[in-house]
């Protein structure tokens, strides 16, 4: 996935690939049962999904989530591309996390 991520220029291209990876790796995510949203504050790109015992499910824009990650599209993409350390991004205010941070850590351990 990371080779593909490095070629992406936007979240709209990256997120479907990420969803595919999550869908194919449910056995490695069986202890993850949370809902997530990513929101690019500058472009308005928003996407949400859930993992229920590792089973991937796409969510709608109005569905409730446990955690939302917010930031500019460039900063969110840089985190996925490993050009921006997520902890540093949080400390510098380049991304923000609203909600259950433990939910985010569960997913981050896989990614």
N, C-alpha and C. Protein backbone atom coordinates (compact mmCIF):
# COMPACT_ATOMS: atom_id res chain seq x y z
N UNK A 1 0.82 -1.18 0.00
CA UNK A 1 0.00 0.00 0.00
C UNK A 1 0.87 1.25 0.00
N UNK A 2 2.01 1.22 0.68
CA UNK A 2 2.80 2.44 0.80
C UNK A 2 3.39 2.90 -0.53
N UNK A 3 3.71 1.97 -1.41
CA UNK A 3 4.19 2.36 -2.74
C UNK A 3 3.09 3.11 -3.48
N UNK A 4 1.86 2.63 -3.37
CA UNK A 4 0.72 3.30 -4.00
C UNK A 4 0.49 4.66 -3.35
N UNK A 5 0.58 4.72 -2.03
CA UNK A 5 0.34 5.94 -1.29
C UNK A 5 1.27 7.05 -1.76
N UNK A 6 2.52 6.71 -1.99
CA UNK A 6 3.50 7.71 -2.40
C UNK A 6 3.17 8.32 -3.76
N UNK A 7 2.41 7.60 -4.58
CA UNK A 7 2.05 8.09 -5.91
C UNK A 7 0.78 8.94 -5.89
N UNK A 8 0.02 8.90 -4.80
CA UNK A 8 -1.26 9.60 -4.72
C UNK A 8 -1.07 11.10 -4.55
N UNK A 9 -1.93 11.82 -5.21
CA UNK A 9 -1.90 13.28 -5.10
C UNK A 9 -3.10 13.81 -4.33
N UNK A 10 -4.00 12.93 -3.92
CA UNK A 10 -5.17 13.38 -3.17
C UNK A 10 -5.83 12.23 -2.44
N UNK A 11 -6.64 12.59 -1.46
CA UNK A 11 -7.32 11.59 -0.64
C UNK A 11 -8.35 10.80 -1.44
N UNK A 12 -8.98 11.42 -2.43
CA UNK A 12 -10.00 10.72 -3.21
C UNK A 12 -9.43 9.51 -3.94
N UNK A 13 -8.16 9.55 -4.26
CA UNK A 13 -7.50 8.41 -4.91
C UNK A 13 -6.97 7.42 -3.88
N UNK A 14 -6.51 7.94 -2.75
CA UNK A 14 -5.90 7.10 -1.72
C UNK A 14 -6.91 6.29 -0.91
N UNK A 15 -8.00 6.91 -0.51
CA UNK A 15 -8.93 6.27 0.42
C UNK A 15 -9.53 4.97 -0.11
N UNK A 16 -9.96 4.88 -1.36
CA UNK A 16 -10.47 3.58 -1.84
C UNK A 16 -9.43 2.46 -1.74
N UNK A 17 -8.18 2.78 -1.98
CA UNK A 17 -7.11 1.78 -1.85
C UNK A 17 -6.95 1.37 -0.38
N UNK A 18 -6.99 2.34 0.50
CA UNK A 18 -6.92 2.05 1.93
C UNK A 18 -8.08 1.15 2.36
N UNK A 19 -9.26 1.44 1.86
CA UNK A 19 -10.43 0.61 2.18
C UNK A 19 -10.23 -0.82 1.70
N UNK A 20 -9.64 -0.97 0.52
CA UNK A 20 -9.37 -2.30 0.01
C UNK A 20 -8.41 -3.07 0.91
N UNK A 21 -7.38 -2.39 1.39
CA UNK A 21 -6.42 -3.03 2.30
C UNK A 21 -7.11 -3.44 3.59
N UNK A 22 -7.94 -2.57 4.14
CA UNK A 22 -8.65 -2.91 5.37
C UNK A 22 -9.60 -4.09 5.15
N UNK A 23 -10.29 -4.08 4.02
CA UNK A 23 -11.22 -5.17 3.71
C UNK A 23 -10.54 -6.51 3.54
N UNK A 24 -9.33 -6.51 3.01
CA UNK A 24 -8.59 -7.76 2.78
C UNK A 24 -7.86 -8.26 4.02
N UNK A 25 -7.78 -7.46 5.06
CA UNK A 25 -6.99 -7.83 6.23
C UNK A 25 -7.81 -7.89 7.51
N UNK A 26 -9.06 -8.26 7.40
CA UNK A 26 -9.94 -8.34 8.56
C UNK A 26 -9.42 -9.25 9.65
N UNK A 27 -8.74 -10.34 9.27
CA UNK A 27 -8.22 -11.26 10.28
C UNK A 27 -7.17 -10.61 11.18
N UNK A 28 -6.46 -9.61 10.68
CA UNK A 28 -5.47 -8.89 11.49
C UNK A 28 -6.10 -7.76 12.30
N UNK A 29 -7.40 -7.51 12.06
CA UNK A 29 -8.08 -6.39 12.71
C UNK A 29 -9.25 -6.84 13.58
N UNK A 30 -9.29 -8.10 13.95
CA UNK A 30 -10.46 -8.63 14.67
C UNK A 30 -10.71 -7.94 16.01
N UNK A 31 -9.68 -7.33 16.61
CA UNK A 31 -9.89 -6.64 17.88
C UNK A 31 -10.26 -5.17 17.69
N UNK A 32 -10.53 -4.75 16.46
CA UNK A 32 -10.91 -3.37 16.18
C UNK A 32 -12.40 -3.30 15.89
N UNK A 33 -13.11 -2.57 16.73
CA UNK A 33 -14.55 -2.36 16.54
C UNK A 33 -14.84 -0.89 16.84
N UNK A 34 -14.54 -0.06 15.86
CA UNK A 34 -14.73 1.38 15.98
C UNK A 34 -15.13 1.95 14.63
N UNK A 35 -15.66 3.18 14.67
CA UNK A 35 -16.01 3.90 13.45
C UNK A 35 -15.13 5.15 13.36
N UNK A 36 -14.69 5.46 12.14
CA UNK A 36 -13.71 6.52 11.90
C UNK A 36 -14.20 7.48 10.81
N UNK A 37 -13.80 8.74 10.94
CA UNK A 37 -14.05 9.72 9.88
C UNK A 37 -12.77 10.52 9.67
N UNK A 38 -12.50 10.82 8.42
CA UNK A 38 -11.39 11.69 8.05
C UNK A 38 -12.01 12.88 7.32
N UNK A 39 -11.56 14.08 7.71
CA UNK A 39 -12.13 15.29 7.10
C UNK A 39 -11.01 16.26 6.75
N UNK A 40 -10.91 16.59 5.47
CA UNK A 40 -9.95 17.59 5.01
C UNK A 40 -10.59 18.96 5.15
N UNK A 41 -10.04 19.77 6.03
CA UNK A 41 -10.65 21.05 6.37
C UNK A 41 -10.58 22.07 5.23
N UNK A 42 -9.66 21.90 4.32
CA UNK A 42 -9.52 22.88 3.23
C UNK A 42 -10.33 22.50 1.99
N UNK A 43 -10.39 21.22 1.67
CA UNK A 43 -11.10 20.80 0.45
C UNK A 43 -12.50 20.29 0.73
N UNK A 44 -12.79 19.98 2.00
CA UNK A 44 -14.10 19.45 2.36
C UNK A 44 -14.22 17.95 2.15
N UNK A 45 -13.16 17.30 1.68
CA UNK A 45 -13.22 15.85 1.49
C UNK A 45 -13.48 15.18 2.83
N UNK A 46 -14.52 14.34 2.87
CA UNK A 46 -14.88 13.61 4.08
C UNK A 46 -15.20 12.18 3.71
N UNK A 47 -14.73 11.26 4.55
CA UNK A 47 -15.04 9.86 4.33
C UNK A 47 -15.08 9.17 5.67
N UNK A 48 -15.97 8.21 5.81
CA UNK A 48 -16.13 7.50 7.08
C UNK A 48 -16.26 6.01 6.82
N UNK A 49 -15.77 5.25 7.80
CA UNK A 49 -15.87 3.80 7.72
C UNK A 49 -15.87 3.23 9.13
N UNK A 50 -16.25 1.97 9.21
CA UNK A 50 -16.22 1.27 10.50
C UNK A 50 -15.53 -0.07 10.31
N UNK A 51 -14.95 -0.52 11.38
CA UNK A 51 -14.45 -1.89 11.47
C UNK A 51 -15.21 -2.51 12.63
N UNK A 52 -15.91 -3.59 12.36
CA UNK A 52 -16.69 -4.29 13.38
C UNK A 52 -16.10 -5.68 13.52
N UNK A 53 -15.27 -5.85 14.54
CA UNK A 53 -14.57 -7.12 14.69
C UNK A 53 -13.67 -7.40 13.51
N UNK A 54 -13.15 -6.33 12.92
CA UNK A 54 -12.26 -6.45 11.77
C UNK A 54 -12.96 -6.43 10.43
N UNK A 55 -14.27 -6.49 10.41
CA UNK A 55 -15.01 -6.47 9.14
C UNK A 55 -15.24 -5.02 8.72
N UNK A 56 -14.77 -4.66 7.54
CA UNK A 56 -14.87 -3.31 7.01
C UNK A 56 -16.29 -2.98 6.57
N UNK A 57 -16.70 -1.75 6.85
CA UNK A 57 -18.02 -1.26 6.41
C UNK A 57 -17.90 0.22 6.08
N UNK A 58 -18.26 0.61 4.86
CA UNK A 58 -18.28 2.03 4.49
C UNK A 58 -19.45 2.69 5.19
N UNK A 59 -19.27 3.93 5.64
CA UNK A 59 -20.32 4.67 6.33
C UNK A 59 -20.68 5.92 5.53
N UNK A 60 -21.86 6.43 5.81
CA UNK A 60 -22.31 7.66 5.19
C UNK A 60 -21.83 8.88 5.93
N UNK A 61 -22.03 10.03 5.32
CA UNK A 61 -21.55 11.30 5.88
C UNK A 61 -22.19 11.63 7.23
N UNK A 62 -23.39 11.15 7.46
CA UNK A 62 -24.09 11.49 8.71
C UNK A 62 -24.01 10.40 9.77
N UNK A 63 -23.40 9.28 9.46
CA UNK A 63 -23.29 8.20 10.43
C UNK A 63 -22.37 8.60 11.59
N UNK A 64 -22.73 8.15 12.78
CA UNK A 64 -21.93 8.44 13.97
C UNK A 64 -20.60 7.70 13.91
N UNK A 65 -19.56 8.34 14.42
CA UNK A 65 -18.23 7.73 14.47
C UNK A 65 -17.66 7.89 15.87
N UNK A 66 -16.66 7.08 16.16
CA UNK A 66 -15.97 7.17 17.45
C UNK A 66 -14.86 8.22 17.44
N UNK A 67 -14.26 8.42 16.29
CA UNK A 67 -13.14 9.36 16.20
C UNK A 67 -13.12 10.01 14.82
N UNK A 68 -12.79 11.30 14.81
CA UNK A 68 -12.63 12.05 13.57
C UNK A 68 -11.23 12.65 13.54
N UNK A 69 -10.56 12.49 12.40
CA UNK A 69 -9.25 13.09 12.19
C UNK A 69 -9.44 14.22 11.20
N UNK A 70 -8.98 15.41 11.58
CA UNK A 70 -9.15 16.60 10.76
C UNK A 70 -7.80 17.22 10.44
N UNK A 71 -7.70 17.78 9.26
CA UNK A 71 -6.50 18.49 8.85
C UNK A 71 -6.63 18.88 7.40
N UNK A 72 -5.69 19.65 6.91
CA UNK A 72 -5.72 19.96 5.48
C UNK A 72 -5.46 18.68 4.70
N UNK A 73 -5.91 18.66 3.48
CA UNK A 73 -5.71 17.46 2.67
C UNK A 73 -4.22 17.15 2.52
N UNK A 74 -3.40 18.17 2.34
CA UNK A 74 -1.96 17.95 2.19
C UNK A 74 -1.37 17.32 3.45
N UNK A 75 -1.78 17.78 4.62
CA UNK A 75 -1.24 17.22 5.86
C UNK A 75 -1.73 15.79 6.11
N UNK A 76 -3.00 15.52 5.84
CA UNK A 76 -3.51 14.16 6.00
C UNK A 76 -2.80 13.21 5.04
N UNK A 77 -2.64 13.63 3.82
CA UNK A 77 -1.94 12.81 2.82
C UNK A 77 -0.48 12.59 3.24
N UNK A 78 0.16 13.62 3.77
CA UNK A 78 1.56 13.49 4.21
C UNK A 78 1.70 12.48 5.34
N UNK A 79 0.71 12.39 6.21
CA UNK A 79 0.75 11.38 7.27
C UNK A 79 0.69 9.99 6.66
N UNK A 80 -0.23 9.77 5.74
CA UNK A 80 -0.35 8.46 5.09
C UNK A 80 0.92 8.11 4.30
N UNK A 81 1.55 9.11 3.71
CA UNK A 81 2.76 8.88 2.93
C UNK A 81 4.01 8.78 3.79
N UNK A 82 3.84 8.88 5.08
CA UNK A 82 4.94 8.83 6.05
C UNK A 82 5.95 9.95 5.86
N UNK A 83 5.48 11.07 5.33
CA UNK A 83 6.30 12.27 5.20
C UNK A 83 6.13 13.17 6.42
N UNK A 84 5.05 12.93 7.18
CA UNK A 84 4.75 13.71 8.37
C UNK A 84 4.40 12.74 9.49
N UNK A 85 5.17 12.76 10.55
CA UNK A 85 4.93 11.89 11.69
C UNK A 85 3.60 12.29 12.34
N UNK A 86 2.69 11.34 12.58
CA UNK A 86 1.39 11.68 13.13
C UNK A 86 1.45 12.37 14.49
N UNK A 87 2.37 11.95 15.35
CA UNK A 87 2.49 12.58 16.67
C UNK A 87 2.96 14.02 16.53
N UNK A 88 3.94 14.22 15.68
CA UNK A 88 4.44 15.58 15.43
C UNK A 88 3.33 16.44 14.82
N UNK A 89 2.57 15.85 13.90
CA UNK A 89 1.46 16.58 13.27
C UNK A 89 0.43 17.02 14.32
N UNK A 90 0.14 16.15 15.27
CA UNK A 90 -0.78 16.50 16.36
C UNK A 90 -0.21 17.61 17.23
N UNK A 91 1.04 17.47 17.62
CA UNK A 91 1.67 18.45 18.50
C UNK A 91 1.78 19.83 17.84
N UNK A 92 2.00 19.85 16.54
CA UNK A 92 2.13 21.11 15.81
C UNK A 92 0.77 21.67 15.36
N UNK A 93 -0.31 20.93 15.62
CA UNK A 93 -1.64 21.38 15.22
C UNK A 93 -1.93 21.22 13.75
N UNK A 94 -1.13 20.41 13.05
CA UNK A 94 -1.36 20.19 11.62
C UNK A 94 -2.52 19.24 11.39
N UNK A 95 -2.77 18.36 12.34
CA UNK A 95 -3.98 17.53 12.33
C UNK A 95 -4.57 17.59 13.73
N UNK A 96 -5.86 17.33 13.81
CA UNK A 96 -6.56 17.30 15.09
C UNK A 96 -7.36 16.01 15.18
N UNK A 97 -7.55 15.55 16.39
CA UNK A 97 -8.33 14.33 16.62
C UNK A 97 -9.45 14.67 17.58
N UNK A 98 -10.68 14.41 17.13
CA UNK A 98 -11.85 14.58 17.97
C UNK A 98 -12.43 13.21 18.26
N UNK A 99 -12.62 12.91 19.54
CA UNK A 99 -13.24 11.64 19.90
C UNK A 99 -12.28 10.71 20.59
N UNK A 100 -12.53 9.43 20.43
CA UNK A 100 -11.84 8.36 21.13
C UNK A 100 -10.45 8.11 20.54
N UNK A 101 -9.44 8.63 21.22
CA UNK A 101 -8.07 8.47 20.72
C UNK A 101 -7.60 7.01 20.78
N UNK A 102 -8.15 6.23 21.70
CA UNK A 102 -7.81 4.80 21.76
C UNK A 102 -8.25 4.09 20.49
N UNK A 103 -9.37 4.50 19.92
CA UNK A 103 -9.84 3.93 18.66
C UNK A 103 -8.84 4.18 17.55
N UNK A 104 -8.29 5.38 17.54
CA UNK A 104 -7.30 5.73 16.52
C UNK A 104 -6.02 4.93 16.69
N UNK A 105 -5.61 4.74 17.94
CA UNK A 105 -4.40 3.96 18.21
C UNK A 105 -4.54 2.51 17.77
N UNK A 106 -5.75 1.94 17.93
CA UNK A 106 -6.00 0.55 17.49
C UNK A 106 -5.76 0.43 15.99
N UNK A 107 -6.26 1.40 15.23
CA UNK A 107 -6.10 1.37 13.77
C UNK A 107 -4.65 1.68 13.39
N UNK A 108 -4.05 2.63 14.08
CA UNK A 108 -2.67 3.03 13.77
C UNK A 108 -1.70 1.87 13.95
N UNK A 109 -1.97 1.00 14.90
CA UNK A 109 -1.10 -0.16 15.12
C UNK A 109 -1.05 -1.04 13.88
N UNK A 110 -2.16 -1.13 13.14
CA UNK A 110 -2.20 -1.93 11.92
C UNK A 110 -1.51 -1.21 10.77
N UNK A 111 -1.79 0.07 10.65
CA UNK A 111 -1.24 0.84 9.52
C UNK A 111 0.25 1.05 9.67
